[in-house]
Amino acid sequence: MKKLFAVALLGTIALTPVLAHSQGMRSGHGGEAFKAQMLERFKAADENGDESLTRAEIYQSHGKRAAEIDTNDDGVIGVEEIDAARKEMRLKRQQRMLNRMDTDGDGVVSTDEFARSGTMRMQHMDHDRDGVVTLDEATTPPMQKRGMHHGKRFGGMSAGKMECPR
């Protein structure tokens, strides 16, 4: 039972980014960096290069990730290993965020660069592009603001395959 739970938990953690993107959701700002990251993950999982993912390819990809997370090689992913993997992912995400904010490429984020990142975020939130973010716009999920529906951004799931964007 513990092994089944660990496998289910791992599957959820490992597949969440792919499924989130396939459902039109965004992580952080989204945009080109996120698309590039997801495309890289997609292509890495696409073992036969046919630009679609089968359940078997997703399972294989998650098996590789499971082996990376299971640092003590006991065949079980424990709480400590999950915690370490999540911390690693969080650090990578934070580094990507800082890289996006570092617009002059000097390796540090100035207070001015940080402030400008807020105005870029505002542009994403200002659905009607009137230069003002209302409470309604601020609390509406990005997918709904853009009139998107599940499965439209990344091809969605059909017949056990997820199509790769072109």
Protein backbone atom coordinates (compact mmCIF):
# COMPACT_ATOMS: atom_id res chain seq x y z
CA MET A 1 0.00 0.00 0.00
CA LYS A 2 2.84 2.41 0.85
CA LYS A 3 4.51 1.68 -2.47
CA LEU A 4 1.27 2.32 -4.38
CA PHE A 5 0.82 5.62 -2.54
CA ALA A 6 4.42 6.63 -3.24
CA VAL A 7 4.04 5.82 -6.96
CA ALA A 8 0.74 7.75 -7.15
CA LEU A 9 2.28 10.73 -5.37
CA LEU A 10 5.31 10.70 -7.65
CA GLY A 11 3.12 10.49 -10.73
CA THR A 12 1.17 13.49 -9.56
CA ILE A 13 4.32 15.52 -8.87
CA ALA A 14 6.08 14.51 -12.08
CA LEU A 15 3.11 14.92 -14.43
CA THR A 16 1.67 18.12 -12.99
CA PRO A 17 3.70 20.51 -15.21
CA VAL A 18 2.81 18.62 -18.41
CA LEU A 19 -0.85 18.33 -17.50
CA ALA A 20 -1.05 21.92 -16.32
CA HIS A 21 0.27 23.09 -19.65
CA SER A 22 -2.01 20.72 -21.57
CA GLN A 23 -4.97 22.21 -19.72
CA GLY A 24 -3.96 25.76 -20.59
CA MET A 25 -2.77 26.75 -17.13
CA ARG A 26 0.37 28.71 -16.54
CA SER A 27 3.17 28.49 -14.04
CA GLY A 28 4.42 31.87 -12.93
CA HIS A 29 4.44 34.34 -15.78
CA GLY A 30 4.06 31.74 -18.50
CA GLY A 31 5.31 33.25 -21.70
CA GLU A 32 8.16 32.15 -23.90
CA ALA A 33 10.43 30.81 -21.15
CA PHE A 34 7.66 28.54 -19.89
CA LYS A 35 6.84 27.37 -23.42
CA ALA A 36 10.51 26.60 -24.05
CA GLN A 37 10.77 24.67 -20.78
CA MET A 38 7.64 22.64 -21.52
CA LEU A 39 8.76 21.95 -25.09
CA GLU A 40 12.10 20.69 -23.75
CA ARG A 41 10.32 18.38 -21.29
CA PHE A 42 7.93 17.20 -23.97
CA LYS A 43 10.69 16.38 -26.44
CA ALA A 44 12.68 14.58 -23.73
CA ALA A 45 9.67 12.35 -23.02
CA ASP A 46 8.91 11.79 -26.73
CA GLU A 47 11.09 8.69 -27.06
CA ASN A 48 10.25 7.97 -30.72
CA GLY A 49 10.25 11.60 -31.88
CA ASP A 50 6.73 11.49 -33.34
CA GLU A 51 5.74 14.75 -31.59
CA SER A 52 3.09 13.07 -29.46
CA LEU A 53 3.23 11.45 -26.04
CA THR A 54 1.69 8.09 -25.37
CA ARG A 55 0.87 6.89 -21.90
CA ALA A 56 3.86 4.53 -22.17
CA GLU A 57 6.24 7.42 -22.95
CA ILE A 58 4.89 9.45 -20.02
CA TYR A 59 5.27 6.39 -17.77
CA GLN A 60 8.86 5.90 -18.98
CA SER A 61 9.67 9.57 -18.42
CA HIS A 62 8.28 9.43 -14.89
CA GLY A 63 10.22 6.25 -14.21
CA LYS A 64 13.42 8.12 -15.02
CA ARG A 65 12.39 10.97 -12.74
CA ALA A 66 11.49 8.48 -9.99
CA ALA A 67 15.00 7.03 -10.17
CA GLU A 68 16.45 10.53 -9.81
CA ILE A 69 14.25 11.29 -6.79
CA ASP A 70 14.93 7.94 -5.09
CA THR A 71 18.40 9.02 -3.98
CA ASN A 72 19.01 6.07 -1.65
CA ASP A 73 18.00 3.52 -4.35
CA ASP A 74 15.65 1.57 -2.07
CA GLY A 75 12.80 1.52 -4.61
CA VAL A 76 10.63 3.78 -2.42
CA ILE A 77 10.30 7.53 -2.56
CA GLY A 78 10.12 8.82 0.99
CA VAL A 79 9.04 12.15 2.41
CA GLU A 80 12.64 13.36 2.67
CA GLU A 81 13.31 12.55 -0.98
CA ILE A 82 10.12 14.29 -2.11
CA ASP A 83 11.04 17.30 0.00
CA ALA A 84 14.54 17.44 -1.50
CA ALA A 85 13.16 17.16 -5.05
CA ARG A 86 10.63 19.94 -4.41
CA LYS A 87 13.34 22.20 -2.95
CA GLU A 88 15.49 21.58 -6.03
CA MET A 89 12.58 22.44 -8.34
CA ARG A 90 11.79 25.57 -6.30
CA LEU A 91 15.41 26.78 -6.55
CA LYS A 92 15.41 26.25 -10.32
CA ARG A 93 12.10 28.11 -10.63
CA GLN A 94 13.45 31.01 -8.54
CA GLN A 95 16.59 31.18 -10.69
CA ARG A 96 14.49 31.30 -13.88
CA MET A 97 12.40 34.10 -12.33
CA LEU A 98 15.53 36.11 -11.46
CA ASN A 99 16.94 35.53 -14.94
CA ARG A 100 13.72 36.92 -16.47
CA MET A 101 13.87 40.01 -14.24
CA ASP A 102 17.58 40.61 -14.96
CA THR A 103 16.89 42.54 -18.16
CA ASP A 104 20.41 43.95 -18.54
CA GLY A 105 22.04 40.53 -18.10
CA ASP A 106 24.49 41.57 -15.39
CA GLY A 107 23.64 38.61 -13.16
CA VAL A 108 21.82 40.62 -10.50
CA VAL A 109 18.32 42.09 -10.23
CA SER A 110 18.33 45.79 -9.42
CA THR A 111 15.43 47.40 -7.59
CA ASP A 112 14.50 49.10 -10.89
CA GLU A 113 14.43 45.75 -12.73
CA PHE A 114 12.32 44.29 -9.94
CA ALA A 115 9.86 47.21 -10.14
CA ARG A 116 9.60 46.85 -13.95
CA SER A 117 8.74 43.16 -13.54
CA GLY A 118 5.63 44.28 -11.64
CA THR A 119 4.48 46.40 -14.57
CA MET A 120 4.98 43.43 -16.90
CA ARG A 121 2.86 41.33 -14.55
CA MET A 122 0.21 44.07 -14.65
CA GLN A 123 0.09 43.80 -18.44
CA HIS A 124 -0.77 40.10 -18.08
CA MET A 125 -3.49 40.87 -15.54
CA ASP A 126 -5.04 43.82 -17.40
CA HIS A 127 -7.42 41.76 -19.51
CA ASP A 128 -9.22 44.64 -21.21
CA ARG A 129 -5.93 46.54 -21.74
CA ASP A 130 -7.29 49.78 -20.26
CA GLY A 131 -4.21 50.40 -18.11
CA VAL A 132 -6.03 49.55 -14.88
CA VAL A 133 -6.24 46.20 -13.08
CA THR A 134 -9.62 45.76 -11.42
CA LEU A 135 -10.28 43.39 -8.53
CA ASP A 136 -12.17 41.15 -10.96
CA GLU A 137 -9.19 41.01 -13.36
CA ALA A 138 -6.78 40.35 -10.51
CA THR A 139 -8.83 37.43 -9.20
CA THR A 140 -9.74 35.83 -12.54
CA PRO A 141 -7.53 32.88 -13.47
CA PRO A 142 -5.39 33.57 -16.57
CA MET A 143 -7.07 30.78 -18.52
CA GLN A 144 -10.51 32.36 -18.09
CA LYS A 145 -9.27 35.87 -18.93
CA ARG A 146 -8.10 34.73 -22.31
CA GLY A 147 -11.28 32.79 -23.05
CA MET A 148 -9.34 29.55 -23.12
CA HIS A 149 -10.84 26.18 -22.43
CA HIS A 150 -9.29 22.96 -21.22
CA GLY A 151 -7.00 21.30 -23.72
CA LYS A 152 -6.83 24.11 -26.29
CA ARG A 153 -3.26 25.33 -25.69
CA PHE A 154 -1.26 22.14 -25.95
CA GLY A 155 -3.45 19.97 -28.13
CA GLY A 156 -5.19 18.31 -25.19
CA MET A 157 -5.48 14.58 -24.64
CA SER A 158 -7.10 12.49 -27.30
CA ALA A 159 -6.84 8.76 -27.90
CA GLY A 160 -4.14 8.46 -25.24
CA LYS A 161 -1.84 10.97 -26.94
CA MET A 162 -0.85 14.53 -26.20
CA GLU A 163 0.16 16.45 -29.29
CA CYS A 164 3.28 18.55 -29.46
CA PRO A 165 2.89 22.23 -30.41
CA ARG A 166 4.56 23.34 -33.61
